[in-house]
């Protein structure tokens, strides 16, 4: 793989503005991330689940420089779509779930969200994320999370901080697990078209 990359000046300018650095630093950062994403997708089955603005800009560079074949590009775009449909709204769903006291409001919000998830892989990703959060509530968050876990660590912290004050501290994790179980149960019902 060549070290020379074509990165459109517009991408560099936008990235520099986002990072609040000069163009040279932005170019170096983008170049490094382009190579990281390209290398990540060279491994079969590997990929990125949460796409930051930086990653979205870098993937444009991957495509511009033809660093990925058509199949790999499709995987990248599928992962990007999964992020947009599942992960971006996930934090809001979790915050709402922790604070919501009305079962009807909870059902409506989750039902509306689940109806947008038509792709079975996206439904599976949603369930995997919720199950991971449940597991971490029991076992603890990994001390050194992998890149793909960083977003879920943030979601976990969001859940814990979103628990109402009236819930005693010693049962916060039990409360969280109970709410996550409700999400899974309702998501299975809504996804299956069953009446709750």
C-alpha atoms as a PDB file:
ATOM      1  CA  UNK A   1       0.000   0.000   0.000  1.00  0.00           C
ATOM      2  CA  UNK A   2       1.438   3.360  -1.035  1.00  0.00           C
ATOM      3  CA  UNK A   3       1.978   6.083   1.531  1.00  0.00           C
ATOM      4  CA  UNK A   4       0.782   8.726  -0.914  1.00  0.00           C
ATOM      5  CA  UNK A   5      -2.908   9.511  -0.683  1.00  0.00           C
ATOM      6  CA  UNK A   6      -5.211  11.847  -2.514  1.00  0.00           C
ATOM      7  CA  UNK A   7      -7.344  13.668   0.039  1.00  0.00           C
ATOM      8  CA  UNK A   8      -9.583  16.382  -1.400  1.00  0.00           C
ATOM      9  CA  UNK A   9      -8.844  19.792   0.082  1.00  0.00           C
ATOM     10  CA  UNK A  10     -12.508  20.179   1.066  1.00  0.00           C
ATOM     11  CA  UNK A  11     -12.301  17.081   3.276  1.00  0.00           C
ATOM     12  CA  UNK A  12      -9.099  18.375   4.865  1.00  0.00           C
ATOM     13  CA  UNK A  13     -10.648  21.806   5.515  1.00  0.00           C
ATOM     14  CA  UNK A  14     -13.802  20.303   7.052  1.00  0.00           C
ATOM     15  CA  UNK A  15     -11.766  17.922   9.180  1.00  0.00           C
ATOM     16  CA  UNK A  16      -9.454  20.739  10.325  1.00  0.00           C
ATOM     17  CA  UNK A  17     -12.492  22.804  11.351  1.00  0.00           C
ATOM     18  CA  UNK A  18     -14.005  19.847  13.258  1.00  0.00           C
ATOM     19  CA  UNK A  19     -10.745  19.138  15.094  1.00  0.00           C
ATOM     20  CA  UNK A  20      -9.819  22.825  15.492  1.00  0.00           C
ATOM     21  CA  UNK A  21      -6.324  22.214  14.095  1.00  0.00           C
ATOM     22  CA  UNK A  22      -4.415  23.430  11.053  1.00  0.00           C
ATOM     23  CA  UNK A  23      -4.706  21.738   7.659  1.00  0.00           C
ATOM     24  CA  UNK A  24      -1.417  19.861   7.967  1.00  0.00           C
ATOM     25  CA  UNK A  25      -2.437  18.227  11.259  1.00  0.00           C
ATOM     26  CA  UNK A  26      -5.853  17.407   9.827  1.00  0.00           C
ATOM     27  CA  UNK A  27      -4.281  15.826   6.749  1.00  0.00           C
ATOM     28  CA  UNK A  28      -1.923  13.695   8.871  1.00  0.00           C
ATOM     29  CA  UNK A  29      -4.785  12.590  11.131  1.00  0.00           C
ATOM     30  CA  UNK A  30      -6.999  11.708   8.166  1.00  0.00           C
ATOM     31  CA  UNK A  31      -4.191   9.827   6.466  1.00  0.00           C
ATOM     32  CA  UNK A  32      -3.595   7.738   9.590  1.00  0.00           C
ATOM     33  CA  UNK A  33      -7.315   6.999   9.995  1.00  0.00           C
ATOM     34  CA  UNK A  34      -7.699   6.095   6.307  1.00  0.00           C
ATOM     35  CA  UNK A  35      -4.977   3.469   6.679  1.00  0.00           C
ATOM     36  CA  UNK A  36      -6.460   2.210   9.982  1.00  0.00           C
ATOM     37  CA  UNK A  37      -9.929   1.726   8.492  1.00  0.00           C
ATOM     38  CA  UNK A  38      -8.497   0.144   5.363  1.00  0.00           C
ATOM     39  CA  UNK A  39      -6.420  -2.311   7.436  1.00  0.00           C
ATOM     40  CA  UNK A  40      -9.369  -3.071   9.717  1.00  0.00           C
ATOM     41  CA  UNK A  41     -11.550  -4.113   6.782  1.00  0.00           C
ATOM     42  CA  UNK A  42      -8.837  -6.272   5.218  1.00  0.00           C
ATOM     43  CA  UNK A  43      -9.604  -8.849   7.920  1.00  0.00           C
ATOM     44  CA  UNK A  44     -12.579 -11.044   7.087  1.00  0.00           C
ATOM     45  CA  UNK A  45     -15.515 -10.311   9.360  1.00  0.00           C
ATOM     46  CA  UNK A  46     -13.823  -7.322  11.005  1.00  0.00           C
ATOM     47  CA  UNK A  47     -15.250  -3.844  10.801  1.00  0.00           C
ATOM     48  CA  UNK A  48     -16.262  -0.712  12.578  1.00  0.00           C
ATOM     49  CA  UNK A  49     -19.650  -0.510  14.278  1.00  0.00           C
ATOM     50  CA  UNK A  50     -19.714   3.117  15.452  1.00  0.00           C
ATOM     51  CA  UNK A  51     -18.731   5.693  12.827  1.00  0.00           C
ATOM     52  CA  UNK A  52     -17.611   9.111  14.063  1.00  0.00           C
ATOM     53  CA  UNK A  53     -17.428  12.176  11.802  1.00  0.00           C
ATOM     54  CA  UNK A  54     -13.690  11.472  11.550  1.00  0.00           C
ATOM     55  CA  UNK A  55     -14.371   7.905  10.374  1.00  0.00           C
ATOM     56  CA  UNK A  56     -16.955   9.073   7.846  1.00  0.00           C
ATOM     57  CA  UNK A  57     -14.459  11.538   6.395  1.00  0.00           C
ATOM     58  CA  UNK A  58     -11.727   8.897   6.345  1.00  0.00           C
ATOM     59  CA  UNK A  59     -13.877   6.321   4.558  1.00  0.00           C
ATOM     60  CA  UNK A  60     -14.367   8.884   1.814  1.00  0.00           C
ATOM     61  CA  UNK A  61     -10.560   8.890   1.503  1.00  0.00           C
ATOM     62  CA  UNK A  62     -10.522   5.079   1.385  1.00  0.00           C
ATOM     63  CA  UNK A  63     -12.950   5.186  -1.541  1.00  0.00           C
ATOM     64  CA  UNK A  64     -11.178   8.083  -3.313  1.00  0.00           C
ATOM     65  CA  UNK A  65      -7.869   6.210  -3.189  1.00  0.00           C
ATOM     66  CA  UNK A  66      -9.344   2.826  -4.191  1.00  0.00           C
ATOM     67  CA  UNK A  67      -8.011   1.172  -1.035  1.00  0.00           C
ATOM     68  CA  UNK A  68     -10.945  -1.228  -0.832  1.00  0.00           C
ATOM     69  CA  UNK A  69     -12.447  -3.590  -3.372  1.00  0.00           C
ATOM     70  CA  UNK A  70     -16.172  -3.477  -4.194  1.00  0.00           C
ATOM     71  CA  UNK A  71     -17.082  -6.173  -1.639  1.00  0.00           C
ATOM     72  CA  UNK A  72     -15.202  -4.376   1.125  1.00  0.00           C
ATOM     73  CA  UNK A  73     -16.809  -1.072   0.167  1.00  0.00           C
ATOM     74  CA  UNK A  74     -20.221  -2.724   0.474  1.00  0.00           C
ATOM     75  CA  UNK A  75     -19.286  -4.001   3.960  1.00  0.00           C
ATOM     76  CA  UNK A  76     -18.162  -0.513   4.970  1.00  0.00           C
ATOM     77  CA  UNK A  77     -21.376   1.059   3.697  1.00  0.00           C
ATOM     78  CA  UNK A  78     -23.480  -1.636   5.386  1.00  0.00           C
ATOM     79  CA  UNK A  79     -21.700  -0.981   8.691  1.00  0.00           C
ATOM     80  CA  UNK A  80     -22.195   2.755   8.229  1.00  0.00           C
ATOM     81  CA  UNK A  81     -25.927   2.225   7.588  1.00  0.00           C
ATOM     82  CA  UNK A  82     -26.173   0.010  10.692  1.00  0.00           C
ATOM     83  CA  UNK A  83     -24.544   2.765  12.743  1.00  0.00           C
ATOM     84  CA  UNK A  84     -27.011   5.340  11.433  1.00  0.00           C
ATOM     85  CA  UNK A  85     -30.082   3.169  11.967  1.00  0.00           C
ATOM     86  CA  UNK A  86     -29.179   1.410  15.230  1.00  0.00           C
ATOM     87  CA  UNK A  87     -26.392   3.106  17.162  1.00  0.00           C
ATOM     88  CA  UNK A  88     -27.065   6.794  16.630  1.00  0.00           C
ATOM     89  CA  UNK A  89     -30.573   6.568  18.154  1.00  0.00           C
ATOM     90  CA  UNK A  90     -29.530   3.970  20.778  1.00  0.00           C
ATOM     91  CA  UNK A  91     -28.418   6.481  23.428  1.00  0.00           C
ATOM     92  CA  UNK A  92     -31.753   8.313  23.239  1.00  0.00           C
ATOM     93  CA  UNK A  93     -33.637   5.032  23.565  1.00  0.00           C
ATOM     94  CA  UNK A  94     -31.542   4.089  26.596  1.00  0.00           C
ATOM     95  CA  UNK A  95     -31.899   7.495  28.284  1.00  0.00           C
ATOM     96  CA  UNK A  96     -35.641   7.410  27.727  1.00  0.00           C
ATOM     97  CA  UNK A  97     -35.859   3.826  29.011  1.00  0.00           C
ATOM     98  CA  UNK A  98     -34.066   4.619  32.246  1.00  0.00           C
ATOM     99  CA  UNK A  99     -36.247   7.653  33.012  1.00  0.00           C
ATOM    100  CA  UNK A 100     -39.614   6.651  31.557  1.00  0.00           C
ATOM    101  CA  UNK A 101     -42.298   5.824  34.078  1.00  0.00           C
ATOM    102  CA  UNK A 102     -45.105   5.251  31.585  1.00  0.00           C
ATOM    103  CA  UNK A 103     -45.253   1.819  29.984  1.00  0.00           C
ATOM    104  CA  UNK A 104     -47.426   3.186  27.163  1.00  0.00           C
ATOM    105  CA  UNK A 105     -44.925   5.937  26.288  1.00  0.00           C
ATOM    106  CA  UNK A 106     -42.088   3.408  26.454  1.00  0.00           C
ATOM    107  CA  UNK A 107     -43.971   1.048  24.128  1.00  0.00           C
ATOM    108  CA  UNK A 108     -44.717   3.786  21.604  1.00  0.00           C
ATOM    109  CA  UNK A 109     -41.123   5.042  21.480  1.00  0.00           C
ATOM    110  CA  UNK A 110     -39.610   1.565  21.185  1.00  0.00           C
ATOM    111  CA  UNK A 111     -42.253   0.470  18.692  1.00  0.00           C
ATOM    112  CA  UNK A 112     -41.550   3.499  16.467  1.00  0.00           C
ATOM    113  CA  UNK A 113     -37.831   2.796  16.638  1.00  0.00           C
ATOM    114  CA  UNK A 114     -38.198  -0.934  15.932  1.00  0.00           C
ATOM    115  CA  UNK A 115     -40.452  -0.349  12.923  1.00  0.00           C
ATOM    116  CA  UNK A 116     -37.573   1.526  11.277  1.00  0.00           C
ATOM    117  CA  UNK A 117     -35.279  -1.488  11.708  1.00  0.00           C
ATOM    118  CA  UNK A 118     -36.312  -3.620   8.767  1.00  0.00           C
ATOM    119  CA  UNK A 119     -32.929  -5.251   8.213  1.00  0.00           C
ATOM    120  CA  UNK A 120     -32.576  -8.444  10.317  1.00  0.00           C
ATOM    121  CA  UNK A 121     -28.865  -7.697  10.803  1.00  0.00           C
ATOM    122  CA  UNK A 122     -29.771  -4.332  12.334  1.00  0.00           C
ATOM    123  CA  UNK A 123     -32.244  -6.003  14.690  1.00  0.00           C
ATOM    124  CA  UNK A 124     -29.521  -8.449  15.673  1.00  0.00           C
ATOM    125  CA  UNK A 125     -27.028  -5.600  16.266  1.00  0.00           C
ATOM    126  CA  UNK A 126     -29.590  -3.842  18.476  1.00  0.00           C
ATOM    127  CA  UNK A 127     -30.115  -6.985  20.565  1.00  0.00           C
ATOM    128  CA  UNK A 128     -26.338  -7.598  20.752  1.00  0.00           C
ATOM    129  CA  UNK A 129     -25.788  -4.060  22.072  1.00  0.00           C
ATOM    130  CA  UNK A 130     -28.480  -4.448  24.742  1.00  0.00           C
ATOM    131  CA  UNK A 131     -27.148  -7.879  25.762  1.00  0.00           C
ATOM    132  CA  UNK A 132     -23.617  -6.468  26.006  1.00  0.00           C
ATOM    133  CA  UNK A 133     -24.824  -3.693  28.297  1.00  0.00           C
ATOM    134  CA  UNK A 134     -26.623  -6.279  30.454  1.00  0.00           C
ATOM    135  CA  UNK A 135     -23.497  -8.425  30.658  1.00  0.00           C
ATOM    136  CA  UNK A 136     -21.411  -5.420  31.671  1.00  0.00           C
ATOM    137  CA  UNK A 137     -23.930  -4.570  34.394  1.00  0.00           C
ATOM    138  CA  UNK A 138     -23.193  -8.001  35.886  1.00  0.00           C
ATOM    139  CA  UNK A 139     -19.478  -8.343  35.101  1.00  0.00           C
ATOM    140  CA  UNK A 140     -18.321  -4.745  34.855  1.00  0.00           C
ATOM    141  CA  UNK A 141     -17.171  -2.703  31.887  1.00  0.00           C
ATOM    142  CA  UNK A 142     -13.908  -3.939  30.308  1.00  0.00           C
ATOM    143  CA  UNK A 143     -10.854  -2.182  31.762  1.00  0.00           C
ATOM    144  CA  UNK A 144      -9.398  -1.729  28.283  1.00  0.00           C
ATOM    145  CA  UNK A 145     -12.315  -1.670  25.829  1.00  0.00           C
ATOM    146  CA  UNK A 146     -11.721  -2.356  22.148  1.00  0.00           C
ATOM    147  CA  UNK A 147     -12.449   0.391  19.636  1.00  0.00           C
ATOM    148  CA  UNK A 148     -15.869  -1.035  18.823  1.00  0.00           C
ATOM    149  CA  UNK A 149     -16.749  -1.150  22.534  1.00  0.00           C
ATOM    150  CA  UNK A 150     -16.058   2.527  23.229  1.00  0.00           C
ATOM    151  CA  UNK A 151     -19.509   3.659  22.103  1.00  0.00           C
ATOM    152  CA  UNK A 152     -21.167   1.006  24.271  1.00  0.00           C
ATOM    153  CA  UNK A 153     -19.054   2.095  27.257  1.00  0.00           C
ATOM    154  CA  UNK A 154     -20.487   5.567  26.694  1.00  0.00           C
ATOM    155  CA  UNK A 155     -24.001   4.058  26.471  1.00  0.00           C
ATOM    156  CA  UNK A 156     -23.418   2.155  29.715  1.00  0.00           C
ATOM    157  CA  UNK A 157     -22.400   5.348  31.500  1.00  0.00           C
ATOM    158  CA  UNK A 158     -25.410   7.104  29.987  1.00  0.00           C
ATOM    159  CA  UNK A 159     -27.697   4.371  31.398  1.00  0.00           C
ATOM    160  CA  UNK A 160     -26.157   4.556  34.848  1.00  0.00           C
ATOM    161  CA  UNK A 161     -26.355   8.349  34.973  1.00  0.00           C
ATOM    162  CA  UNK A 162     -29.930   8.295  33.659  1.00  0.00           C
ATOM    163  CA  UNK A 163     -31.325   6.244  36.528  1.00  0.00           C
ATOM    164  CA  UNK A 164     -33.798   8.361  38.531  1.00  0.00           C
ATOM    165  CA  UNK A 165     -32.543   9.710  41.874  1.00  0.00           C
ATOM    166  CA  UNK A 166     -35.336   7.980  43.786  1.00  0.00           C
ATOM    167  CA  UNK A 167     -33.762   4.587  42.940  1.00  0.00           C
ATOM    168  CA  UNK A 168     -31.322   3.587  45.733  1.00  0.00           C
ATOM    169  CA  UNK A 169     -27.664   3.445  44.634  1.00  0.00           C
ATOM    170  CA  UNK A 170     -27.220  -0.180  45.700  1.00  0.00           C
ATOM    171  CA  UNK A 171     -29.810  -1.361  43.149  1.00  0.00           C
ATOM    172  CA  UNK A 172     -28.797   0.822  40.170  1.00  0.00           C
ATOM    173  CA  UNK A 173     -27.339  -2.096  38.222  1.00  0.00           C
ATOM    174  CA  UNK A 174     -30.377  -4.294  38.976  1.00  0.00           C
ATOM    175  CA  UNK A 175     -32.651  -1.470  37.828  1.00  0.00           C
ATOM    176  CA  UNK A 176     -30.635  -1.091  34.634  1.00  0.00           C
ATOM    177  CA  UNK A 177     -30.724  -4.840  33.911  1.00  0.00           C
ATOM    178  CA  UNK A 178     -34.489  -4.890  34.513  1.00  0.00           C
ATOM    179  CA  UNK A 179     -35.008  -2.038  32.040  1.00  0.00           C
ATOM    180  CA  UNK A 180     -32.697  -3.652  29.469  1.00  0.00           C
ATOM    181  CA  UNK A 181     -34.640  -6.926  29.827  1.00  0.00           C
ATOM    182  CA  UNK A 182     -37.822  -4.975  29.110  1.00  0.00           C
ATOM    183  CA  UNK A 183     -36.240  -3.505  25.987  1.00  0.00           C
ATOM    184  CA  UNK A 184     -35.273  -6.994  24.772  1.00  0.00           C
ATOM    185  CA  UNK A 185     -38.706  -8.412  25.520  1.00  0.00           C
ATOM    186  CA  UNK A 186     -40.505  -5.537  23.833  1.00  0.00           C
ATOM    187  CA  UNK A 187     -38.085  -5.489  20.919  1.00  0.00           C
ATOM    188  CA  UNK A 188     -38.742  -9.203  20.295  1.00  0.00           C
ATOM    189  CA  UNK A 189     -42.486  -8.599  20.435  1.00  0.00           C
ATOM    190  CA  UNK A 190     -42.435  -5.492  18.262  1.00  0.00           C
ATOM    191  CA  UNK A 191     -39.999  -7.038  15.761  1.00  0.00           C
ATOM    192  CA  UNK A 192     -42.123 -10.182  15.611  1.00  0.00           C
ATOM    193  CA  UNK A 193     -45.285  -8.157  15.099  1.00  0.00           C
ATOM    194  CA  UNK A 194     -46.857  -9.587  18.238  1.00  0.00           C
ATOM    195  CA  UNK A 195     -49.227  -7.595  20.409  1.00  0.00           C
ATOM    196  CA  UNK A 196     -47.925  -6.758  23.854  1.00  0.00           C
END
